[in-house]
Amino acid sequence: MAKFKKKKSKPTPEPEDSKKESPQEEPVDIPETEKTESTPEASKEPPISEVEKSEKDRKLNKLFWLRVALAVIAGTAATFIFEDIEGEERRWASIGFMIIVFFATIIVAKGMKMQLPSSDRKKIVTQAIGSYIFLYLFTWIVTYTLVHTATVSTGINI
């Protein structure tokens, strides 16, 4: 947020002063902003070159697509892996499996040796987490539905 310098204004004219001369419209000036000193933390970070930035972006992009692909594969696999488990336990086993696979991708991401600044360290965990969760659940539900449509009776007699 910008810090504005205090503007010193002229004293308010007395009522009899307004009768003598009409006040002149002063142009509205935008206040000058104060110079903010850079924080010592910002100066600790070395500037990132374009090569390092493109390498970081390439690895983050690779991590994104790895998580998207693993979400589809793991969601499909969960349908068949947990076939023998019944009811509520199947749901919790699948969610646990989803979390374990996600933690495996975090280990893989740390093995990629990404040179991230300290402000971007959380990107290893947060990169594509939403896509991962929703794609996993979507593919798990769709494959489960497709596999079990033949076994469920519709109850309609023709």
C-alpha atoms as a PDB file:
ATOM      1  CA  MET A   1       0.000   0.000   0.000  1.00  0.00           C
ATOM      2  CA  ALA A   2       1.407   3.413  -0.884  1.00  0.00           C
ATOM      3  CA  LYS A   3       2.286   5.799   1.872  1.00  0.00           C
ATOM      4  CA  PHE A   4       1.393   9.381   1.098  1.00  0.00           C
ATOM      5  CA  LYS A   5       3.173  12.459   2.320  1.00  0.00           C
ATOM      6  CA  LYS A   6       1.074  14.770   4.405  1.00  0.00           C
ATOM      7  CA  LYS A   7      -0.165  17.703   2.406  1.00  0.00           C
ATOM      8  CA  LYS A   8       0.019  21.082   4.042  1.00  0.00           C
ATOM      9  CA  SER A   9      -2.914  23.280   3.100  1.00  0.00           C
ATOM     10  CA  LYS A  10      -3.609  26.950   3.428  1.00  0.00           C
ATOM     11  CA  PRO A  11      -5.650  28.101   6.430  1.00  0.00           C
ATOM     12  CA  THR A  12      -9.399  28.212   5.967  1.00  0.00           C
ATOM     13  CA  PRO A  13     -10.536  31.709   4.881  1.00  0.00           C
ATOM     14  CA  GLU A  14     -12.748  33.752   7.173  1.00  0.00           C
ATOM     15  CA  PRO A  15     -16.357  34.480   6.089  1.00  0.00           C
ATOM     16  CA  GLU A  16     -15.614  38.136   5.338  1.00  0.00           C
ATOM     17  CA  ASP A  17     -12.626  37.132   3.146  1.00  0.00           C
ATOM     18  CA  SER A  18     -14.931  35.313   0.720  1.00  0.00           C
ATOM     19  CA  LYS A  19     -16.842  38.541   0.056  1.00  0.00           C
ATOM     20  CA  LYS A  20     -13.701  40.390  -0.987  1.00  0.00           C
ATOM     21  CA  GLU A  21     -12.510  37.996  -3.668  1.00  0.00           C
ATOM     22  CA  SER A  22     -13.754  34.762  -5.107  1.00  0.00           C
ATOM     23  CA  PRO A  23     -11.651  31.763  -4.229  1.00  0.00           C
ATOM     24  CA  GLN A  24      -9.565  30.364  -7.027  1.00  0.00           C
ATOM     25  CA  GLU A  25      -9.855  26.696  -7.830  1.00  0.00           C
ATOM     26  CA  GLU A  26      -6.627  24.932  -7.036  1.00  0.00           C
ATOM     27  CA  PRO A  27      -5.745  21.945  -9.163  1.00  0.00           C
ATOM     28  CA  VAL A  28      -6.125  18.657  -7.369  1.00  0.00           C
ATOM     29  CA  ASP A  29      -2.727  17.117  -6.989  1.00  0.00           C
ATOM     30  CA  ILE A  30      -2.081  13.506  -6.389  1.00  0.00           C
ATOM     31  CA  PRO A  31       0.029  13.220  -3.256  1.00  0.00           C
ATOM     32  CA  GLU A  32       3.595  12.159  -3.635  1.00  0.00           C
ATOM     33  CA  THR A  33       4.412   8.737  -2.319  1.00  0.00           C
ATOM     34  CA  GLU A  34       7.116   8.220   0.222  1.00  0.00           C
ATOM     35  CA  LYS A  35      10.063   6.121  -0.721  1.00  0.00           C
ATOM     36  CA  THR A  36       9.812   2.824   1.078  1.00  0.00           C
ATOM     37  CA  GLU A  37      13.012   1.216   2.127  1.00  0.00           C
ATOM     38  CA  SER A  38      13.464  -2.240   0.776  1.00  0.00           C
ATOM     39  CA  THR A  39      13.206  -4.920   3.387  1.00  0.00           C
ATOM     40  CA  PRO A  40      16.401  -6.692   4.341  1.00  0.00           C
ATOM     41  CA  GLU A  41      14.824 -10.027   3.381  1.00  0.00           C
ATOM     42  CA  ALA A  42      14.304  -8.890  -0.208  1.00  0.00           C
ATOM     43  CA  SER A  43      17.921  -7.883  -0.548  1.00  0.00           C
ATOM     44  CA  LYS A  44      19.092 -11.336   0.605  1.00  0.00           C
ATOM     45  CA  GLU A  45      17.582 -13.022  -2.447  1.00  0.00           C
ATOM     46  CA  PRO A  46      19.990 -13.072  -5.379  1.00  0.00           C
ATOM     47  CA  PRO A  47      18.444 -11.940  -8.657  1.00  0.00           C
ATOM     48  CA  ILE A  48      17.272 -14.873 -10.755  1.00  0.00           C
ATOM     49  CA  SER A  49      18.602 -15.027 -14.285  1.00  0.00           C
ATOM     50  CA  GLU A  50      16.372 -15.814 -17.243  1.00  0.00           C
ATOM     51  CA  VAL A  51      17.994 -19.230 -17.703  1.00  0.00           C
ATOM     52  CA  GLU A  52      17.326 -20.211 -14.083  1.00  0.00           C
ATOM     53  CA  LYS A  53      13.756 -18.904 -14.306  1.00  0.00           C
ATOM     54  CA  SER A  54      13.007 -20.873 -17.467  1.00  0.00           C
ATOM     55  CA  GLU A  55      14.548 -23.995 -15.897  1.00  0.00           C
ATOM     56  CA  LYS A  56      12.401 -23.523 -12.770  1.00  0.00           C
ATOM     57  CA  ASP A  57       9.266 -22.988 -14.880  1.00  0.00           C
ATOM     58  CA  ARG A  58      10.073 -26.061 -16.972  1.00  0.00           C
ATOM     59  CA  LYS A  59      10.427 -28.237 -13.863  1.00  0.00           C
ATOM     60  CA  LEU A  60       7.238 -26.848 -12.287  1.00  0.00           C
ATOM     61  CA  ASN A  61       5.421 -27.531 -15.557  1.00  0.00           C
ATOM     62  CA  LYS A  62       6.799 -31.072 -15.561  1.00  0.00           C
ATOM     63  CA  LEU A  63       5.599 -31.527 -11.955  1.00  0.00           C
ATOM     64  CA  PHE A  64       2.139 -30.255 -12.911  1.00  0.00           C
ATOM     65  CA  TRP A  65       1.719 -32.753 -15.725  1.00  0.00           C
ATOM     66  CA  LEU A  66       3.190 -35.557 -13.618  1.00  0.00           C
ATOM     67  CA  ARG A  67       0.514 -34.955 -10.989  1.00  0.00           C
ATOM     68  CA  VAL A  68      -2.250 -34.736 -13.593  1.00  0.00           C
ATOM     69  CA  ALA A  69      -1.169 -38.038 -15.175  1.00  0.00           C
ATOM     70  CA  LEU A  70      -0.784 -39.762 -11.806  1.00  0.00           C
ATOM     71  CA  ALA A  71      -4.226 -38.556 -10.736  1.00  0.00           C
ATOM     72  CA  VAL A  72      -5.828 -40.221 -13.753  1.00  0.00           C
ATOM     73  CA  ILE A  73      -3.784 -43.420 -13.346  1.00  0.00           C
ATOM     74  CA  ALA A  74      -4.294 -43.652  -9.565  1.00  0.00           C
ATOM     75  CA  GLY A  75      -8.003 -42.863  -9.815  1.00  0.00           C
ATOM     76  CA  THR A  76      -8.459 -45.665 -12.317  1.00  0.00           C
ATOM     77  CA  ALA A  77      -6.307 -48.045 -10.287  1.00  0.00           C
ATOM     78  CA  ALA A  78      -8.270 -47.309  -7.109  1.00  0.00           C
ATOM     79  CA  THR A  79     -11.390 -48.786  -8.712  1.00  0.00           C
ATOM     80  CA  PHE A  80      -9.688 -52.156  -9.112  1.00  0.00           C
ATOM     81  CA  ILE A  81      -7.354 -52.139  -6.082  1.00  0.00           C
ATOM     82  CA  PHE A  82     -10.146 -51.635  -3.568  1.00  0.00           C
ATOM     83  CA  GLU A  83     -12.685 -53.921  -5.276  1.00  0.00           C
ATOM     84  CA  ASP A  84     -12.842 -56.342  -2.327  1.00  0.00           C
ATOM     85  CA  ILE A  85     -13.447 -53.676   0.301  1.00  0.00           C
ATOM     86  CA  GLU A  86     -17.092 -52.901   1.007  1.00  0.00           C
ATOM     87  CA  GLY A  87     -18.938 -49.697   1.909  1.00  0.00           C
ATOM     88  CA  GLU A  88     -17.414 -46.783   3.760  1.00  0.00           C
ATOM     89  CA  GLU A  89     -14.015 -48.477   4.134  1.00  0.00           C
ATOM     90  CA  ARG A  90     -13.582 -48.445   0.338  1.00  0.00           C
ATOM     91  CA  ARG A  91     -14.039 -44.666   0.250  1.00  0.00           C
ATOM     92  CA  TRP A  92     -11.521 -44.018   3.038  1.00  0.00           C
ATOM     93  CA  ALA A  93      -9.020 -46.487   1.582  1.00  0.00           C
ATOM     94  CA  SER A  94      -9.207 -44.708  -1.764  1.00  0.00           C
ATOM     95  CA  ILE A  95      -8.749 -41.278  -0.174  1.00  0.00           C
ATOM     96  CA  GLY A  96      -5.770 -42.619   1.793  1.00  0.00           C
ATOM     97  CA  PHE A  97      -4.327 -44.019  -1.434  1.00  0.00           C
ATOM     98  CA  MET A  98      -4.800 -40.611  -3.085  1.00  0.00           C
ATOM     99  CA  ILE A  99      -2.861 -38.923  -0.256  1.00  0.00           C
ATOM    100  CA  ILE A 100      -0.045 -41.499  -0.371  1.00  0.00           C
ATOM    101  CA  VAL A 101       0.371 -41.045  -4.133  1.00  0.00           C
ATOM    102  CA  PHE A 102       0.423 -37.262  -3.658  1.00  0.00           C
ATOM    103  CA  PHE A 103       3.173 -37.537  -1.027  1.00  0.00           C
ATOM    104  CA  ALA A 104       5.099 -39.719  -3.479  1.00  0.00           C
ATOM    105  CA  THR A 105       4.929 -36.867  -6.010  1.00  0.00           C
ATOM    106  CA  ILE A 106       6.339 -34.503  -3.375  1.00  0.00           C
ATOM    107  CA  ILE A 107       9.317 -36.853  -2.933  1.00  0.00           C
ATOM    108  CA  VAL A 108       9.769 -36.991  -6.712  1.00  0.00           C
ATOM    109  CA  ALA A 109       9.599 -33.179  -6.882  1.00  0.00           C
ATOM    110  CA  LYS A 110      12.296 -32.854  -4.224  1.00  0.00           C
ATOM    111  CA  GLY A 111      14.407 -35.248  -6.271  1.00  0.00           C
ATOM    112  CA  MET A 112      14.106 -32.924  -9.282  1.00  0.00           C
ATOM    113  CA  LYS A 113      16.483 -30.504  -7.498  1.00  0.00           C
ATOM    114  CA  MET A 114      14.446 -27.411  -8.278  1.00  0.00           C
ATOM    115  CA  GLN A 115      16.287 -24.221  -7.388  1.00  0.00           C
ATOM    116  CA  LEU A 116      13.383 -22.265  -5.952  1.00  0.00           C
ATOM    117  CA  PRO A 117      13.735 -19.059  -3.962  1.00  0.00           C
ATOM    118  CA  SER A 118      12.664 -19.351  -0.328  1.00  0.00           C
ATOM    119  CA  SER A 119       9.412 -17.521  -1.105  1.00  0.00           C
ATOM    120  CA  ASP A 120       8.460 -20.248  -3.634  1.00  0.00           C
ATOM    121  CA  ARG A 121       9.343 -23.336  -1.558  1.00  0.00           C
ATOM    122  CA  LYS A 122       5.679 -24.127  -0.990  1.00  0.00           C
ATOM    123  CA  LYS A 123       5.157 -24.473  -4.757  1.00  0.00           C
ATOM    124  CA  ILE A 124       6.489 -28.029  -4.537  1.00  0.00           C
ATOM    125  CA  VAL A 125       3.408 -28.927  -2.497  1.00  0.00           C
ATOM    126  CA  THR A 126       0.816 -26.551  -3.945  1.00  0.00           C
ATOM    127  CA  GLN A 127       1.608 -26.973  -7.642  1.00  0.00           C
ATOM    128  CA  ALA A 128      -1.427 -28.720  -9.234  1.00  0.00           C
ATOM    129  CA  ILE A 129      -2.919 -29.893  -5.913  1.00  0.00           C
ATOM    130  CA  GLY A 130      -6.425 -28.874  -6.931  1.00  0.00           C
ATOM    131  CA  SER A 131      -6.144 -30.497 -10.341  1.00  0.00           C
ATOM    132  CA  TYR A 132      -4.743 -33.635  -8.749  1.00  0.00           C
ATOM    133  CA  ILE A 133      -7.574 -34.013  -6.222  1.00  0.00           C
ATOM    134  CA  PHE A 134     -10.401 -33.298  -8.659  1.00  0.00           C
ATOM    135  CA  LEU A 135      -8.996 -35.451 -11.469  1.00  0.00           C
ATOM    136  CA  TYR A 136      -8.361 -38.334  -9.082  1.00  0.00           C
ATOM    137  CA  LEU A 137     -11.896 -38.200  -7.713  1.00  0.00           C
ATOM    138  CA  PHE A 138     -13.413 -37.723 -11.178  1.00  0.00           C
ATOM    139  CA  THR A 139     -11.597 -40.681 -12.765  1.00  0.00           C
ATOM    140  CA  TRP A 140     -12.245 -42.859  -9.717  1.00  0.00           C
ATOM    141  CA  ILE A 141     -15.984 -42.151  -9.836  1.00  0.00           C
ATOM    142  CA  VAL A 142     -16.243 -42.520 -13.633  1.00  0.00           C
ATOM    143  CA  THR A 143     -14.299 -45.800 -13.791  1.00  0.00           C
ATOM    144  CA  TYR A 144     -16.190 -47.212 -10.812  1.00  0.00           C
ATOM    145  CA  THR A 145     -19.467 -46.280 -12.467  1.00  0.00           C
ATOM    146  CA  LEU A 146     -18.460 -47.799 -15.805  1.00  0.00           C
ATOM    147  CA  VAL A 147     -17.230 -51.031 -14.218  1.00  0.00           C
ATOM    148  CA  HIS A 148     -20.288 -51.503 -12.029  1.00  0.00           C
ATOM    149  CA  THR A 149     -23.097 -50.424 -14.399  1.00  0.00           C
ATOM    150  CA  ALA A 150     -23.648 -53.989 -15.619  1.00  0.00           C
ATOM    151  CA  THR A 151     -23.920 -55.383 -12.095  1.00  0.00           C
ATOM    152  CA  VAL A 152     -26.519 -52.894 -10.904  1.00  0.00           C
ATOM    153  CA  SER A 153     -30.099 -53.627 -11.831  1.00  0.00           C
ATOM    154  CA  THR A 154     -32.163 -50.661 -12.979  1.00  0.00           C
ATOM    155  CA  GLY A 155     -35.446 -51.975 -11.651  1.00  0.00           C
ATOM    156  CA  ILE A 156     -37.272 -51.246 -14.925  1.00  0.00           C
ATOM    157  CA  ASN A 157     -39.091 -54.198 -16.463  1.00  0.00           C
ATOM    158  CA  ILE A 158     -39.846 -54.080 -20.147  1.00  0.00           C
END
